[in-house]
C-alpha atoms as a PDB file:
ATOM      1  CA  UNK A   1      -0.088  -0.572  -0.233  1.00  0.00           C
ATOM      2  CA  UNK A   2       1.354   3.344  -0.768  1.00  0.00           C
ATOM      3  CA  UNK A   3       0.761   7.005   0.875  1.00  0.00           C
ATOM      4  CA  UNK A   4      -1.512   7.848  -1.266  1.00  0.00           C
ATOM      5  CA  UNK A   5      -3.330   5.077  -1.273  1.00  0.00           C
ATOM      6  CA  UNK A   6      -3.408   4.658   2.543  1.00  0.00           C
ATOM      7  CA  UNK A   7      -4.835   8.910   2.762  1.00  0.00           C
ATOM      8  CA  UNK A   8      -7.189   8.033   0.280  1.00  0.00           C
ATOM      9  CA  UNK A   9      -8.758   4.631   2.742  1.00  0.00           C
ATOM     10  CA  UNK A  10      -9.202   6.612   5.509  1.00  0.00           C
ATOM     11  CA  UNK A  11      -9.898   9.953   4.578  1.00  0.00           C
ATOM     12  CA  UNK A  12     -13.270  10.967   5.980  1.00  0.00           C
ATOM     13  CA  UNK A  13     -14.702   7.176   6.527  1.00  0.00           C
ATOM     14  CA  UNK A  14     -17.356   7.646   8.530  1.00  0.00           C
ATOM     15  CA  UNK A  15     -16.253   3.935  10.886  1.00  0.00           C
ATOM     16  CA  UNK A  16     -16.715   3.921  14.415  1.00  0.00           C
ATOM     17  CA  UNK A  17     -13.514   3.119  16.016  1.00  0.00           C
ATOM     18  CA  UNK A  18     -15.110  -0.665  16.565  1.00  0.00           C
ATOM     19  CA  UNK A  19     -15.720  -0.481  12.895  1.00  0.00           C
ATOM     20  CA  UNK A  20     -12.289   0.618  12.326  1.00  0.00           C
ATOM     21  CA  UNK A  21      -9.311   0.226  14.179  1.00  0.00           C
ATOM     22  CA  UNK A  22      -8.320  -3.121  13.568  1.00  0.00           C
ATOM     23  CA  UNK A  23      -8.581  -2.896   9.470  1.00  0.00           C
ATOM     24  CA  UNK A  24      -6.421   0.126  10.081  1.00  0.00           C
ATOM     25  CA  UNK A  25      -3.923  -0.551  12.141  1.00  0.00           C
ATOM     26  CA  UNK A  26      -3.157  -4.211   9.786  1.00  0.00           C
ATOM     27  CA  UNK A  27      -2.785  -1.454   6.457  1.00  0.00           C
ATOM     28  CA  UNK A  28      -0.985   1.165   8.534  1.00  0.00           C
ATOM     29  CA  UNK A  29       1.156  -1.759   9.322  1.00  0.00           C
ATOM     30  CA  UNK A  30       1.435  -2.671   5.722  1.00  0.00           C
ATOM     31  CA  UNK A  31       1.948   0.870   4.551  1.00  0.00           C
ATOM     32  CA  UNK A  32       5.311   0.511   7.416  1.00  0.00           C
ATOM     33  CA  UNK A  33       6.103  -2.522   5.927  1.00  0.00           C
ATOM     34  CA  UNK A  34       5.664  -3.950   9.357  1.00  0.00           C
ATOM     35  CA  UNK A  35       3.974  -6.939  10.932  1.00  0.00           C
ATOM     36  CA  UNK A  36       1.045  -7.404  12.165  1.00  0.00           C
ATOM     37  CA  UNK A  37      -0.360  -9.218  14.395  1.00  0.00           C
ATOM     38  CA  UNK A  38      -0.785 -12.252  14.004  1.00  0.00           C
ATOM     39  CA  UNK A  39       0.923 -12.452  10.940  1.00  0.00           C
ATOM     40  CA  UNK A  40       3.761 -14.915  10.485  1.00  0.00           C
ATOM     41  CA  UNK A  41       6.141 -14.972  12.629  1.00  0.00           C
ATOM     42  CA  UNK A  42       5.216 -13.100  15.740  1.00  0.00           C
ATOM     43  CA  UNK A  43       4.160 -13.780  19.142  1.00  0.00           C
ATOM     44  CA  UNK A  44       0.307 -13.134  20.277  1.00  0.00           C
ATOM     45  CA  UNK A  45       1.915 -13.258  24.060  1.00  0.00           C
ATOM     46  CA  UNK A  46       3.977 -10.319  23.155  1.00  0.00           C
ATOM     47  CA  UNK A  47       2.047  -8.526  19.963  1.00  0.00           C
ATOM     48  CA  UNK A  48      -1.503  -8.780  19.803  1.00  0.00           C
ATOM     49  CA  UNK A  49      -4.957  -6.421  19.126  1.00  0.00           C
ATOM     50  CA  UNK A  50      -7.325  -6.286  22.447  1.00  0.00           C
ATOM     51  CA  UNK A  51      -4.980  -6.919  24.981  1.00  0.00           C
ATOM     52  CA  UNK A  52      -6.437  -8.011  28.757  1.00  0.00           C
ATOM     53  CA  UNK A  53      -5.592  -5.148  31.275  1.00  0.00           C
ATOM     54  CA  UNK A  54      -5.821  -4.080  34.476  1.00  0.00           C
ATOM     55  CA  UNK A  55      -6.480   0.015  34.924  1.00  0.00           C
ATOM     56  CA  UNK A  56      -4.394   1.905  37.600  1.00  0.00           C
ATOM     57  CA  UNK A  57      -8.041   1.733  39.637  1.00  0.00           C
ATOM     58  CA  UNK A  58      -8.689  -2.000  39.570  1.00  0.00           C
ATOM     59  CA  UNK A  59     -11.019  -2.395  36.583  1.00  0.00           C
ATOM     60  CA  UNK A  60     -10.065  -4.212  33.820  1.00  0.00           C
ATOM     61  CA  UNK A  61     -10.034  -2.913  30.148  1.00  0.00           C
ATOM     62  CA  UNK A  62      -8.371  -3.505  27.037  1.00  0.00           C
ATOM     63  CA  UNK A  63      -5.310  -1.898  25.122  1.00  0.00           C
ATOM     64  CA  UNK A  64      -6.218  -2.007  21.137  1.00  0.00           C
ATOM     65  CA  UNK A  65      -2.845  -2.697  20.109  1.00  0.00           C
ATOM     66  CA  UNK A  66      -0.107  -4.009  22.145  1.00  0.00           C
ATOM     67  CA  UNK A  67       3.235  -4.926  21.226  1.00  0.00           C
ATOM     68  CA  UNK A  68       6.240  -5.803  24.007  1.00  0.00           C
ATOM     69  CA  UNK A  69       8.617  -3.482  24.628  1.00  0.00           C
ATOM     70  CA  UNK A  70       7.216  -1.353  22.590  1.00  0.00           C
ATOM     71  CA  UNK A  71       3.956   0.317  22.300  1.00  0.00           C
ATOM     72  CA  UNK A  72       0.914   0.679  24.225  1.00  0.00           C
ATOM     73  CA  UNK A  73      -2.122   1.884  21.446  1.00  0.00           C
ATOM     74  CA  UNK A  74      -4.931   3.346  21.695  1.00  0.00           C
ATOM     75  CA  UNK A  75      -7.971   4.391  18.598  1.00  0.00           C
ATOM     76  CA  UNK A  76     -10.628   6.701  19.027  1.00  0.00           C
ATOM     77  CA  UNK A  77     -13.483   7.055  16.513  1.00  0.00           C
ATOM     78  CA  UNK A  78     -12.700  10.503  14.750  1.00  0.00           C
ATOM     79  CA  UNK A  79     -12.938  14.196  16.364  1.00  0.00           C
ATOM     80  CA  UNK A  80     -12.580  12.235  19.411  1.00  0.00           C
ATOM     81  CA  UNK A  81     -10.882  13.735  22.280  1.00  0.00           C
ATOM     82  CA  UNK A  82      -7.347  11.952  22.449  1.00  0.00           C
ATOM     83  CA  UNK A  83      -6.468  13.552  25.041  1.00  0.00           C
ATOM     84  CA  UNK A  84      -8.953  10.870  26.967  1.00  0.00           C
ATOM     85  CA  UNK A  85      -7.125   8.184  24.819  1.00  0.00           C
ATOM     86  CA  UNK A  86      -3.770   8.729  26.655  1.00  0.00           C
ATOM     87  CA  UNK A  87      -5.011   9.280  29.995  1.00  0.00           C
ATOM     88  CA  UNK A  88      -6.953   5.923  29.306  1.00  0.00           C
ATOM     89  CA  UNK A  89      -3.807   4.485  28.028  1.00  0.00           C
ATOM     90  CA  UNK A  90      -2.316   5.556  30.918  1.00  0.00           C
ATOM     91  CA  UNK A  91      -4.597   3.834  33.462  1.00  0.00           C
ATOM     92  CA  UNK A  92      -3.168   0.834  31.444  1.00  0.00           C
ATOM     93  CA  UNK A  93       0.663   1.385  31.679  1.00  0.00           C
ATOM     94  CA  UNK A  94       1.201  -0.352  33.853  1.00  0.00           C
ATOM     95  CA  UNK A  95      -0.471  -3.883  33.588  1.00  0.00           C
ATOM     96  CA  UNK A  96       0.966  -3.562  29.403  1.00  0.00           C
ATOM     97  CA  UNK A  97       4.378  -3.626  31.041  1.00  0.00           C
ATOM     98  CA  UNK A  98       5.257   0.566  30.895  1.00  0.00           C
ATOM     99  CA  UNK A  99       6.017   0.066  27.301  1.00  0.00           C
ATOM    100  CA  UNK A 100       8.205   2.841  26.593  1.00  0.00           C
ATOM    101  CA  UNK A 101       6.021   3.787  23.715  1.00  0.00           C
ATOM    102  CA  UNK A 102       1.543   4.996  23.986  1.00  0.00           C
ATOM    103  CA  UNK A 103       0.282   5.763  20.977  1.00  0.00           C
ATOM    104  CA  UNK A 104      -3.286   7.165  20.284  1.00  0.00           C
ATOM    105  CA  UNK A 105      -4.948   7.544  17.030  1.00  0.00           C
ATOM    106  CA  UNK A 106      -7.864   8.579  14.951  1.00  0.00           C
ATOM    107  CA  UNK A 107      -7.600   7.841  12.107  1.00  0.00           C
ATOM    108  CA  UNK A 108      -6.753  11.519  11.259  1.00  0.00           C
ATOM    109  CA  UNK A 109      -3.914  11.705  13.654  1.00  0.00           C
ATOM    110  CA  UNK A 110      -1.769   9.939  15.653  1.00  0.00           C
ATOM    111  CA  UNK A 111      -0.272  11.055  18.615  1.00  0.00           C
ATOM    112  CA  UNK A 112       3.104   8.980  20.011  1.00  0.00           C
ATOM    113  CA  UNK A 113       3.801   9.898  23.969  1.00  0.00           C
ATOM    114  CA  UNK A 114       6.778   8.352  25.113  1.00  0.00           C
ATOM    115  CA  UNK A 115       7.319   7.355  28.058  1.00  0.00           C
ATOM    116  CA  UNK A 116      10.565   5.881  28.904  1.00  0.00           C
ATOM    117  CA  UNK A 117      11.159   5.482  32.935  1.00  0.00           C
ATOM    118  CA  UNK A 118      13.295   8.219  33.911  1.00  0.00           C
ATOM    119  CA  UNK A 119      12.775  10.494  30.833  1.00  0.00           C
ATOM    120  CA  UNK A 120      10.934  13.644  30.353  1.00  0.00           C
ATOM    121  CA  UNK A 121       7.848  12.712  28.094  1.00  0.00           C
ATOM    122  CA  UNK A 122       8.092  14.146  24.754  1.00  0.00           C
ATOM    123  CA  UNK A 123       4.608  14.258  22.100  1.00  0.00           C
ATOM    124  CA  UNK A 124       4.497  13.418  18.380  1.00  0.00           C
ATOM    125  CA  UNK A 125       2.208  14.728  16.156  1.00  0.00           C
ATOM    126  CA  UNK A 126       1.814  12.960  12.849  1.00  0.00           C
ATOM    127  CA  UNK A 127      -1.403  13.890  10.162  1.00  0.00           C
ATOM    128  CA  UNK A 128      -2.949  11.622   7.933  1.00  0.00           C
ATOM    129  CA  UNK A 129      -1.497  13.736   4.769  1.00  0.00           C
ATOM    130  CA  UNK A 130       2.285  13.836   6.539  1.00  0.00           C
ATOM    131  CA  UNK A 131       1.811  10.604   5.614  1.00  0.00           C
ATOM    132  CA  UNK A 132       3.085  10.892   2.184  1.00  0.00           C
ATOM    133  CA  UNK A 133       6.398  12.733   3.592  1.00  0.00           C
ATOM    134  CA  UNK A 134       8.656   9.862   4.316  1.00  0.00           C
ATOM    135  CA  UNK A 135      10.197  11.310   7.310  1.00  0.00           C
ATOM    136  CA  UNK A 136       6.894  11.287   9.232  1.00  0.00           C
ATOM    137  CA  UNK A 137       6.809   7.699   8.308  1.00  0.00           C
ATOM    138  CA  UNK A 138      10.162   6.900   9.484  1.00  0.00           C
ATOM    139  CA  UNK A 139       8.803   7.926  12.768  1.00  0.00           C
ATOM    140  CA  UNK A 140       5.598   5.739  13.013  1.00  0.00           C
ATOM    141  CA  UNK A 141       7.469   2.517  11.899  1.00  0.00           C
ATOM    142  CA  UNK A 142      10.505   3.408  14.622  1.00  0.00           C
ATOM    143  CA  UNK A 143       6.968   3.139  17.108  1.00  0.00           C
ATOM    144  CA  UNK A 144       8.030  -0.532  15.925  1.00  0.00           C
ATOM    145  CA  UNK A 145      10.658  -1.397  15.661  1.00  0.00           C
ATOM    146  CA  UNK A 146      13.049   0.722  16.983  1.00  0.00           C
ATOM    147  CA  UNK A 147      11.413   3.450  19.836  1.00  0.00           C
ATOM    148  CA  UNK A 148      14.813   3.300  22.037  1.00  0.00           C
ATOM    149  CA  UNK A 149      15.096   5.927  19.317  1.00  0.00           C
ATOM    150  CA  UNK A 150      13.002   8.047  20.364  1.00  0.00           C
ATOM    151  CA  UNK A 151      14.043   8.315  24.436  1.00  0.00           C
ATOM    152  CA  UNK A 152      14.202  12.050  24.619  1.00  0.00           C
ATOM    153  CA  UNK A 153      17.615  14.035  25.526  1.00  0.00           C
ATOM    154  CA  UNK A 154      16.785  15.093  29.542  1.00  0.00           C
ATOM    155  CA  UNK A 155      16.331  13.145  31.956  1.00  0.00           C
ATOM    156  CA  UNK A 156      13.909  13.731  34.228  1.00  0.00           C
ATOM    157  CA  UNK A 157      16.061  14.735  37.092  1.00  0.00           C
ATOM    158  CA  UNK A 158      18.120  17.628  35.532  1.00  0.00           C
ATOM    159  CA  UNK A 159      14.871  19.235  34.417  1.00  0.00           C
ATOM    160  CA  UNK A 160      13.876  19.008  38.071  1.00  0.00           C
ATOM    161  CA  UNK A 161      17.127  20.636  38.967  1.00  0.00           C
ATOM    162  CA  UNK A 162      16.439  23.408  35.923  1.00  0.00           C
ATOM    163  CA  UNK A 163      13.051  24.237  37.181  1.00  0.00           C
ATOM    164  CA  UNK A 164      13.567  23.980  40.276  1.00  0.00           C
ATOM    165  CA  UNK A 165      16.072  27.141  39.546  1.00  0.00           C
ATOM    166  CA  UNK A 166      13.022  28.590  37.276  1.00  0.00           C
ATOM    167  CA  UNK A 167      11.240  28.764  40.387  1.00  0.00           C
ATOM    168  CA  UNK A 168      13.650  29.979  42.279  1.00  0.00           C
ATOM    169  CA  UNK A 169      14.061  33.232  39.987  1.00  0.00           C
ATOM    170  CA  UNK A 170      10.232  33.987  39.791  1.00  0.00           C
ATOM    171  CA  UNK A 171      10.383  33.748  43.496  1.00  0.00           C
ATOM    172  CA  UNK A 172      13.093  36.215  43.327  1.00  0.00           C
ATOM    173  CA  UNK A 173      11.473  38.748  40.896  1.00  0.00           C
ATOM    174  CA  UNK A 174       7.891  38.491  42.955  1.00  0.00           C
ATOM    175  CA  UNK A 175      10.057  39.675  46.640  1.00  0.00           C
ATOM    176  CA  UNK A 176      11.858  42.306  44.006  1.00  0.00           C
ATOM    177  CA  UNK A 177       8.048  43.490  43.374  1.00  0.00           C
ATOM    178  CA  UNK A 178       7.685  43.989  47.323  1.00  0.00           C
ATOM    179  CA  UNK A 179       6.395  40.538  48.009  1.00  0.00           C
ATOM    180  CA  UNK A 180       7.195  39.046  51.299  1.00  0.00           C
ATOM    181  CA  UNK A 181       8.621  35.729  51.528  1.00  0.00           C
ATOM    182  CA  UNK A 182       6.086  34.557  52.858  1.00  0.00           C
ATOM    183  CA  UNK A 183       2.925  35.253  50.202  1.00  0.00           C
ATOM    184  CA  UNK A 184       5.361  34.583  47.456  1.00  0.00           C
ATOM    185  CA  UNK A 185       6.554  30.685  48.722  1.00  0.00           C
ATOM    186  CA  UNK A 186       2.825  29.683  48.793  1.00  0.00           C
ATOM    187  CA  UNK A 187       1.713  31.457  45.412  1.00  0.00           C
ATOM    188  CA  UNK A 188       5.029  29.410  44.092  1.00  0.00           C
ATOM    189  CA  UNK A 189       3.766  26.211  46.138  1.00  0.00           C
ATOM    190  CA  UNK A 190      -0.090  26.892  45.159  1.00  0.00           C
ATOM    191  CA  UNK A 191       1.895  26.779  40.820  1.00  0.00           C
ATOM    192  CA  UNK A 192       3.584  23.608  41.768  1.00  0.00           C
ATOM    193  CA  UNK A 193       0.448  21.845  43.297  1.00  0.00           C
ATOM    194  CA  UNK A 194      -1.300  22.953  39.854  1.00  0.00           C
ATOM    195  CA  UNK A 195       0.790  21.347  38.028  1.00  0.00           C
ATOM    196  CA  UNK A 196       1.363  18.379  39.657  1.00  0.00           C
ATOM    197  CA  UNK A 197      -2.258  18.007  39.654  1.00  0.00           C
ATOM    198  CA  UNK A 198      -3.154  18.848  36.184  1.00  0.00           C
ATOM    199  CA  UNK A 199      -0.377  16.226  35.546  1.00  0.00           C
ATOM    200  CA  UNK A 200      -2.530  13.183  37.801  1.00  0.00           C
ATOM    201  CA  UNK A 201      -5.691  14.048  36.126  1.00  0.00           C
ATOM    202  CA  UNK A 202      -7.303  15.800  39.162  1.00  0.00           C
ATOM    203  CA  UNK A 203      -7.508  18.946  37.294  1.00  0.00           C
ATOM    204  CA  UNK A 204      -9.408  17.857  33.988  1.00  0.00           C
ATOM    205  CA  UNK A 205      -8.697  18.705  30.245  1.00  0.00           C
ATOM    206  CA  UNK A 206      -5.410  20.545  30.897  1.00  0.00           C
ATOM    207  CA  UNK A 207      -7.376  22.953  32.416  1.00  0.00           C
ATOM    208  CA  UNK A 208      -4.082  24.787  34.216  1.00  0.00           C
ATOM    209  CA  UNK A 209      -1.770  24.306  30.768  1.00  0.00           C
ATOM    210  CA  UNK A 210      -4.892  25.901  29.022  1.00  0.00           C
ATOM    211  CA  UNK A 211      -4.651  29.245  31.407  1.00  0.00           C
ATOM    212  CA  UNK A 212      -1.122  29.014  31.389  1.00  0.00           C
ATOM    213  CA  UNK A 213      -1.677  29.541  27.460  1.00  0.00           C
ATOM    214  CA  UNK A 214      -3.987  32.526  27.073  1.00  0.00           C
ATOM    215  CA  UNK A 215      -2.147  33.859  30.088  1.00  0.00           C
ATOM    216  CA  UNK A 216       1.678  33.848  27.894  1.00  0.00           C
ATOM    217  CA  UNK A 217      -0.871  36.404  25.508  1.00  0.00           C
ATOM    218  CA  UNK A 218      -2.212  38.431  28.137  1.00  0.00           C
ATOM    219  CA  UNK A 219       0.080  38.433  30.847  1.00  0.00           C
ATOM    220  CA  UNK A 220      -2.637  41.224  32.512  1.00  0.00           C
ATOM    221  CA  UNK A 221      -5.017  37.960  32.629  1.00  0.00           C
ATOM    222  CA  UNK A 222      -3.403  36.513  34.905  1.00  0.00           C
ATOM    223  CA  UNK A 223      -3.892  37.007  38.154  1.00  0.00           C
ATOM    224  CA  UNK A 224      -7.703  36.977  37.515  1.00  0.00           C
ATOM    225  CA  UNK A 225      -7.262  33.468  35.870  1.00  0.00           C
ATOM    226  CA  UNK A 226      -6.155  32.078  38.976  1.00  0.00           C
ATOM    227  CA  UNK A 227      -8.020  34.527  41.381  1.00  0.00           C
ATOM    228  CA  UNK A 228     -10.831  31.755  39.505  1.00  0.00           C
ATOM    229  CA  UNK A 229      -9.206  28.280  39.896  1.00  0.00           C
ATOM    230  CA  UNK A 230      -7.606  29.201  43.030  1.00  0.00           C
ATOM    231  CA  UNK A 231     -11.460  29.531  44.346  1.00  0.00           C
ATOM    232  CA  UNK A 232     -12.632  26.791  42.910  1.00  0.00           C
ATOM    233  CA  UNK A 233      -9.727  24.239  44.128  1.00  0.00           C
ATOM    234  CA  UNK A 234     -10.695  25.822  47.945  1.00  0.00           C
ATOM    235  CA  UNK A 235     -14.534  25.266  47.628  1.00  0.00           C
ATOM    236  CA  UNK A 236     -15.329  22.561  44.574  1.00  0.00           C
ATOM    237  CA  UNK A 237     -16.929  23.564  41.624  1.00  0.00           C
ATOM    238  CA  UNK A 238     -17.015  24.810  38.247  1.00  0.00           C
ATOM    239  CA  UNK A 239     -14.231  26.910  36.095  1.00  0.00           C
ATOM    240  CA  UNK A 240     -16.581  27.028  32.876  1.00  0.00           C
ATOM    241  CA  UNK A 241     -17.509  24.768  31.665  1.00  0.00           C
ATOM    242  CA  UNK A 242     -14.765  22.092  33.393  1.00  0.00           C
ATOM    243  CA  UNK A 243     -15.591  20.898  36.831  1.00  0.00           C
ATOM    244  CA  UNK A 244     -12.814  21.101  39.847  1.00  0.00           C
ATOM    245  CA  UNK A 245     -13.015  19.358  43.015  1.00  0.00           C
ATOM    246  CA  UNK A 246     -12.263  20.504  46.292  1.00  0.00           C
ATOM    247  CA  UNK A 247      -8.475  20.192  47.556  1.00  0.00           C
ATOM    248  CA  UNK A 248      -8.851  19.326  51.194  1.00  0.00           C
ATOM    249  CA  UNK A 249      -5.618  21.047  52.991  1.00  0.00           C
ATOM    250  CA  UNK A 250      -4.742  24.640  53.857  1.00  0.00           C
ATOM    251  CA  UNK A 251      -2.579  25.684  50.690  1.00  0.00           C
ATOM    252  CA  UNK A 252      -5.522  26.680  49.212  1.00  0.00           C
ATOM    253  CA  UNK A 253      -7.015  28.918  52.038  1.00  0.00           C
ATOM    254  CA  UNK A 254      -7.780  31.864  49.429  1.00  0.00           C
ATOM    255  CA  UNK A 255      -8.379  32.713  45.665  1.00  0.00           C
ATOM    256  CA  UNK A 256      -5.267  35.278  46.479  1.00  0.00           C
ATOM    257  CA  UNK A 257      -3.410  35.376  43.098  1.00  0.00           C
ATOM    258  CA  UNK A 258       0.095  37.069  42.756  1.00  0.00           C
ATOM    259  CA  UNK A 259       0.067  39.071  38.694  1.00  0.00           C
ATOM    260  CA  UNK A 260       2.378  38.419  36.767  1.00  0.00           C
ATOM    261  CA  UNK A 261       4.002  41.336  33.919  1.00  0.00           C
ATOM    262  CA  UNK A 262       5.677  39.140  31.875  1.00  0.00           C
ATOM    263  CA  UNK A 263       5.297  35.500  31.517  1.00  0.00           C
ATOM    264  CA  UNK A 264       7.900  32.972  33.543  1.00  0.00           C
ATOM    265  CA  UNK A 265      10.286  30.508  31.689  1.00  0.00           C
ATOM    266  CA  UNK A 266       9.057  28.344  34.076  1.00  0.00           C
ATOM    267  CA  UNK A 267       4.907  28.617  33.761  1.00  0.00           C
ATOM    268  CA  UNK A 268       5.701  28.421  29.473  1.00  0.00           C
ATOM    269  CA  UNK A 269       6.932  24.867  30.462  1.00  0.00           C
ATOM    270  CA  UNK A 270       3.497  23.831  31.647  1.00  0.00           C
ATOM    271  CA  UNK A 271       4.447  20.296  32.153  1.00  0.00           C
ATOM    272  CA  UNK A 272       5.880  18.579  35.818  1.00  0.00           C
ATOM    273  CA  UNK A 273       8.368  16.444  35.747  1.00  0.00           C
END
């Protein structure tokens, strides 16, 4: 199958996830010249469709495709939420022997999330029309046969040091603008916790990241946006259409936030190691 044939076959295909996922994956294997599950020479114990798993919550689930030492793969129907698919894969990861790559796909887009131990996670995104590009096909092929080539170069320890230094710089800037040490430390701790809470899905749908992306363009909005979020985290409620649960403890004892005159580097990172 050529790239053009694959693209034409799967462009705007009105099929559900269940109707199309196996056929789409087999066609992709043909395009990439990789064996598909259950082809001659493959082992169903290490490479298969519908790998039974147990979620971190204890419930049973199924990974759409799994290849030991390479990837867990989750399909969604066209224009469905790939962030939800990734969150689902994360719940399966331990039961799938922690594959180095977690891939989500709605047939129009592929998102490859790196999942290497002690490495910063990176995301590679490929749209269906991109498959005419040999470099994009090579990237997808590496998912099957050379996942190590996608390992990020920066370790979590190195990132932790870098982020800590950036937070220290941010704290000093806030102190230089006349904020006292306790207020500054409390505010910084809230930012750190929000990054962690979003990373473990306690804050839904990249809410904190989206807030920061808006504030990067309009720093003058940051304080109001942060106060709204902190206030809801204090008592529980909604931010827009998103439901946020009540966070126990004294960290969110008020909605107070400090203004940021210009988006600092640490906020642009938007992730926590």
